[in-house]
């Protein structure tokens, strides 16, 4: 039985950065299971993030994703932190990577765009790395 590796993006609220990472990863590659979650999920995805991903990448996060608690995702093979300053989620093991991304909450659109570009670069790099490790 082949196991499709699970890559999880975690943050506190699962409303912006981790959702962006999940959406971009799904857009770029279907050979892995990408998901996201948070310790205290918001009730909806950040509207600015949702709008920008739809404009820049034609991804409608509202149709395919919702904020989720940690218990709602499968046990991950690769665990990525978005860079929580306090209260970072814990899944029973250390993170494979901590991306130390700036929190966009309360920031202007310029910050969102910078963070989205950084997530895009990191997701592409992660996918290349995963394919080298899991051919």
C-alpha atoms as a PDB file:
ATOM      1  CA  UNK A   1       0.000   0.000   0.000  1.00  0.00           C
ATOM      2  CA  UNK A   2       1.489   3.332  -1.058  1.00  0.00           C
ATOM      3  CA  UNK A   3       1.375   6.125   1.460  1.00  0.00           C
ATOM      4  CA  UNK A   4       0.857   9.601   0.077  1.00  0.00           C
ATOM      5  CA  UNK A   5       3.052  11.760   2.383  1.00  0.00           C
ATOM      6  CA  UNK A   6       1.154  14.342   4.442  1.00  0.00           C
ATOM      7  CA  UNK A   7       2.651  17.828   4.705  1.00  0.00           C
ATOM      8  CA  UNK A   8       1.021  20.071   7.309  1.00  0.00           C
ATOM      9  CA  UNK A   9       1.337  23.838   7.648  1.00  0.00           C
ATOM     10  CA  UNK A  10       0.525  24.980  11.181  1.00  0.00           C
ATOM     11  CA  UNK A  11      -0.090  28.292  12.880  1.00  0.00           C
ATOM     12  CA  UNK A  12      -2.224  29.566  15.702  1.00  0.00           C
ATOM     13  CA  UNK A  13      -5.364  30.742  13.882  1.00  0.00           C
ATOM     14  CA  UNK A  14      -5.131  28.856  10.568  1.00  0.00           C
ATOM     15  CA  UNK A  15      -6.686  31.844   8.829  1.00  0.00           C
ATOM     16  CA  UNK A  16      -3.930  33.312   6.668  1.00  0.00           C
ATOM     17  CA  UNK A  17      -0.309  32.150   6.294  1.00  0.00           C
ATOM     18  CA  UNK A  18      -0.910  28.419   6.759  1.00  0.00           C
ATOM     19  CA  UNK A  19      -3.968  28.596   4.489  1.00  0.00           C
ATOM     20  CA  UNK A  20      -1.920  30.365   1.792  1.00  0.00           C
ATOM     21  CA  UNK A  21       0.792  27.703   2.039  1.00  0.00           C
ATOM     22  CA  UNK A  22      -1.763  24.897   1.758  1.00  0.00           C
ATOM     23  CA  UNK A  23      -3.496  26.506  -1.228  1.00  0.00           C
ATOM     24  CA  UNK A  24      -0.271  27.159  -3.142  1.00  0.00           C
ATOM     25  CA  UNK A  25       1.133  23.706  -2.410  1.00  0.00           C
ATOM     26  CA  UNK A  26      -2.074  22.085  -3.673  1.00  0.00           C
ATOM     27  CA  UNK A  27      -1.921  24.219  -6.805  1.00  0.00           C
ATOM     28  CA  UNK A  28       1.647  23.157  -7.570  1.00  0.00           C
ATOM     29  CA  UNK A  29       1.649  19.471  -6.696  1.00  0.00           C
ATOM     30  CA  UNK A  30      -0.842  16.658  -6.175  1.00  0.00           C
ATOM     31  CA  UNK A  31       1.569  13.867  -5.295  1.00  0.00           C
ATOM     32  CA  UNK A  32       1.465  14.824  -1.602  1.00  0.00           C
ATOM     33  CA  UNK A  33      -1.399  15.529   0.787  1.00  0.00           C
ATOM     34  CA  UNK A  34      -1.154  19.157   1.865  1.00  0.00           C
ATOM     35  CA  UNK A  35      -3.183  20.443   4.804  1.00  0.00           C
ATOM     36  CA  UNK A  36      -3.168  23.191   7.405  1.00  0.00           C
ATOM     37  CA  UNK A  37      -4.493  23.656  10.917  1.00  0.00           C
ATOM     38  CA  UNK A  38      -4.211  25.796  14.035  1.00  0.00           C
ATOM     39  CA  UNK A  39      -4.534  25.597  17.802  1.00  0.00           C
ATOM     40  CA  UNK A  40      -7.321  28.197  17.918  1.00  0.00           C
ATOM     41  CA  UNK A  41      -8.754  28.364  14.390  1.00  0.00           C
ATOM     42  CA  UNK A  42     -10.659  31.437  13.291  1.00  0.00           C
ATOM     43  CA  UNK A  43     -14.170  31.077  11.903  1.00  0.00           C
ATOM     44  CA  UNK A  44     -13.090  32.068   8.373  1.00  0.00           C
ATOM     45  CA  UNK A  45     -10.065  32.611   6.175  1.00  0.00           C
ATOM     46  CA  UNK A  46      -8.604  36.114   6.268  1.00  0.00           C
ATOM     47  CA  UNK A  47     -10.508  38.143   3.625  1.00  0.00           C
ATOM     48  CA  UNK A  48      -7.417  39.976   2.343  1.00  0.00           C
ATOM     49  CA  UNK A  49      -5.481  36.722   1.912  1.00  0.00           C
ATOM     50  CA  UNK A  50      -8.480  35.137   0.205  1.00  0.00           C
ATOM     51  CA  UNK A  51      -8.874  38.086  -2.189  1.00  0.00           C
ATOM     52  CA  UNK A  52      -5.161  38.287  -3.042  1.00  0.00           C
ATOM     53  CA  UNK A  53      -4.809  34.559  -3.745  1.00  0.00           C
ATOM     54  CA  UNK A  54      -7.836  34.713  -6.007  1.00  0.00           C
ATOM     55  CA  UNK A  55      -6.426  37.747  -7.857  1.00  0.00           C
ATOM     56  CA  UNK A  56      -2.796  36.602  -8.085  1.00  0.00           C
ATOM     57  CA  UNK A  57      -3.171  32.834  -8.495  1.00  0.00           C
ATOM     58  CA  UNK A  58      -6.843  32.262  -9.402  1.00  0.00           C
ATOM     59  CA  UNK A  59      -7.229  30.167  -6.244  1.00  0.00           C
ATOM     60  CA  UNK A  60     -10.587  30.379  -4.510  1.00  0.00           C
ATOM     61  CA  UNK A  61      -9.653  29.323  -0.969  1.00  0.00           C
ATOM     62  CA  UNK A  62     -13.223  29.853   0.201  1.00  0.00           C
ATOM     63  CA  UNK A  63     -14.432  26.971  -1.974  1.00  0.00           C
ATOM     64  CA  UNK A  64     -11.745  24.485  -0.969  1.00  0.00           C
ATOM     65  CA  UNK A  65     -10.492  25.333   2.522  1.00  0.00           C
ATOM     66  CA  UNK A  66     -11.642  26.323   5.998  1.00  0.00           C
ATOM     67  CA  UNK A  67      -9.751  26.967   9.236  1.00  0.00           C
ATOM     68  CA  UNK A  68      -9.350  23.685  11.147  1.00  0.00           C
ATOM     69  CA  UNK A  69      -8.159  22.500  14.559  1.00  0.00           C
ATOM     70  CA  UNK A  70      -5.096  20.247  14.796  1.00  0.00           C
ATOM     71  CA  UNK A  71      -7.339  17.246  15.446  1.00  0.00           C
ATOM     72  CA  UNK A  72      -8.961  17.625  11.998  1.00  0.00           C
ATOM     73  CA  UNK A  73      -5.862  16.793   9.956  1.00  0.00           C
ATOM     74  CA  UNK A  74      -4.054  13.489   9.398  1.00  0.00           C
ATOM     75  CA  UNK A  75      -0.797  12.736  11.205  1.00  0.00           C
ATOM     76  CA  UNK A  76       1.827  14.647   9.200  1.00  0.00           C
ATOM     77  CA  UNK A  77       5.028  13.250   7.754  1.00  0.00           C
ATOM     78  CA  UNK A  78       6.397  16.785   7.388  1.00  0.00           C
ATOM     79  CA  UNK A  79       5.453  19.534   9.816  1.00  0.00           C
ATOM     80  CA  UNK A  80       5.972  23.220   8.957  1.00  0.00           C
ATOM     81  CA  UNK A  81       5.455  26.139  11.351  1.00  0.00           C
ATOM     82  CA  UNK A  82       4.527  29.487   9.883  1.00  0.00           C
ATOM     83  CA  UNK A  83       6.466  31.257  12.623  1.00  0.00           C
ATOM     84  CA  UNK A  84       4.333  31.759  15.682  1.00  0.00           C
ATOM     85  CA  UNK A  85       5.833  34.034  18.270  1.00  0.00           C
ATOM     86  CA  UNK A  86       3.825  32.559  21.130  1.00  0.00           C
ATOM     87  CA  UNK A  87       1.458  29.636  21.466  1.00  0.00           C
ATOM     88  CA  UNK A  88       2.820  27.739  18.481  1.00  0.00           C
ATOM     89  CA  UNK A  89       0.862  24.545  17.783  1.00  0.00           C
ATOM     90  CA  UNK A  90       2.296  21.253  19.014  1.00  0.00           C
ATOM     91  CA  UNK A  91       1.654  17.951  17.253  1.00  0.00           C
ATOM     92  CA  UNK A  92       3.687  15.704  19.548  1.00  0.00           C
ATOM     93  CA  UNK A  93       6.993  16.171  17.746  1.00  0.00           C
ATOM     94  CA  UNK A  94       9.311  18.977  16.656  1.00  0.00           C
ATOM     95  CA  UNK A  95       8.700  20.963  13.487  1.00  0.00           C
ATOM     96  CA  UNK A  96      10.694  19.978  10.412  1.00  0.00           C
ATOM     97  CA  UNK A  97      10.918  23.657   9.488  1.00  0.00           C
ATOM     98  CA  UNK A  98       9.902  26.987  11.004  1.00  0.00           C
ATOM     99  CA  UNK A  99       9.447  29.553   8.277  1.00  0.00           C
ATOM    100  CA  UNK A 100       9.433  32.578  10.645  1.00  0.00           C
ATOM    101  CA  UNK A 101       6.923  34.452   8.480  1.00  0.00           C
ATOM    102  CA  UNK A 102       5.710  37.886   9.486  1.00  0.00           C
ATOM    103  CA  UNK A 103       2.189  37.912  10.921  1.00  0.00           C
ATOM    104  CA  UNK A 104      -0.069  39.824   8.524  1.00  0.00           C
ATOM    105  CA  UNK A 105      -2.781  40.579  11.112  1.00  0.00           C
ATOM    106  CA  UNK A 106      -3.546  44.286  11.131  1.00  0.00           C
ATOM    107  CA  UNK A 107      -0.980  45.023   8.409  1.00  0.00           C
ATOM    108  CA  UNK A 108      -1.462  46.703   5.048  1.00  0.00           C
ATOM    109  CA  UNK A 109      -1.696  44.931   1.702  1.00  0.00           C
ATOM    110  CA  UNK A 110       2.021  45.461   0.981  1.00  0.00           C
ATOM    111  CA  UNK A 111       2.898  43.150   3.894  1.00  0.00           C
ATOM    112  CA  UNK A 112       0.413  40.537   2.679  1.00  0.00           C
ATOM    113  CA  UNK A 113       1.992  40.623  -0.790  1.00  0.00           C
ATOM    114  CA  UNK A 114       5.508  40.231   0.652  1.00  0.00           C
ATOM    115  CA  UNK A 115       4.416  37.305   2.823  1.00  0.00           C
ATOM    116  CA  UNK A 116       2.554  35.653  -0.062  1.00  0.00           C
ATOM    117  CA  UNK A 117       5.672  35.920  -2.269  1.00  0.00           C
ATOM    118  CA  UNK A 118       7.806  34.432   0.492  1.00  0.00           C
ATOM    119  CA  UNK A 119       5.348  31.574   1.037  1.00  0.00           C
ATOM    120  CA  UNK A 120       5.234  30.949  -2.715  1.00  0.00           C
ATOM    121  CA  UNK A 121       9.050  30.676  -2.859  1.00  0.00           C
ATOM    122  CA  UNK A 122       9.214  28.433   0.213  1.00  0.00           C
ATOM    123  CA  UNK A 123       6.427  26.137  -1.015  1.00  0.00           C
ATOM    124  CA  UNK A 124       8.167  25.659  -4.376  1.00  0.00           C
ATOM    125  CA  UNK A 125      11.470  24.937  -2.622  1.00  0.00           C
ATOM    126  CA  UNK A 126       9.742  22.494  -0.238  1.00  0.00           C
ATOM    127  CA  UNK A 127       8.106  20.613  -3.119  1.00  0.00           C
ATOM    128  CA  UNK A 128      11.447  20.293  -4.946  1.00  0.00           C
ATOM    129  CA  UNK A 129      13.034  18.994  -1.736  1.00  0.00           C
ATOM    130  CA  UNK A 130      10.191  16.519  -1.127  1.00  0.00           C
ATOM    131  CA  UNK A 131      10.565  15.118  -4.651  1.00  0.00           C
ATOM    132  CA  UNK A 132      14.296  14.591  -4.096  1.00  0.00           C
ATOM    133  CA  UNK A 133      13.599  12.793  -0.803  1.00  0.00           C
ATOM    134  CA  UNK A 134      10.501  10.858  -1.956  1.00  0.00           C
ATOM    135  CA  UNK A 135      11.017  10.090  -5.660  1.00  0.00           C
END
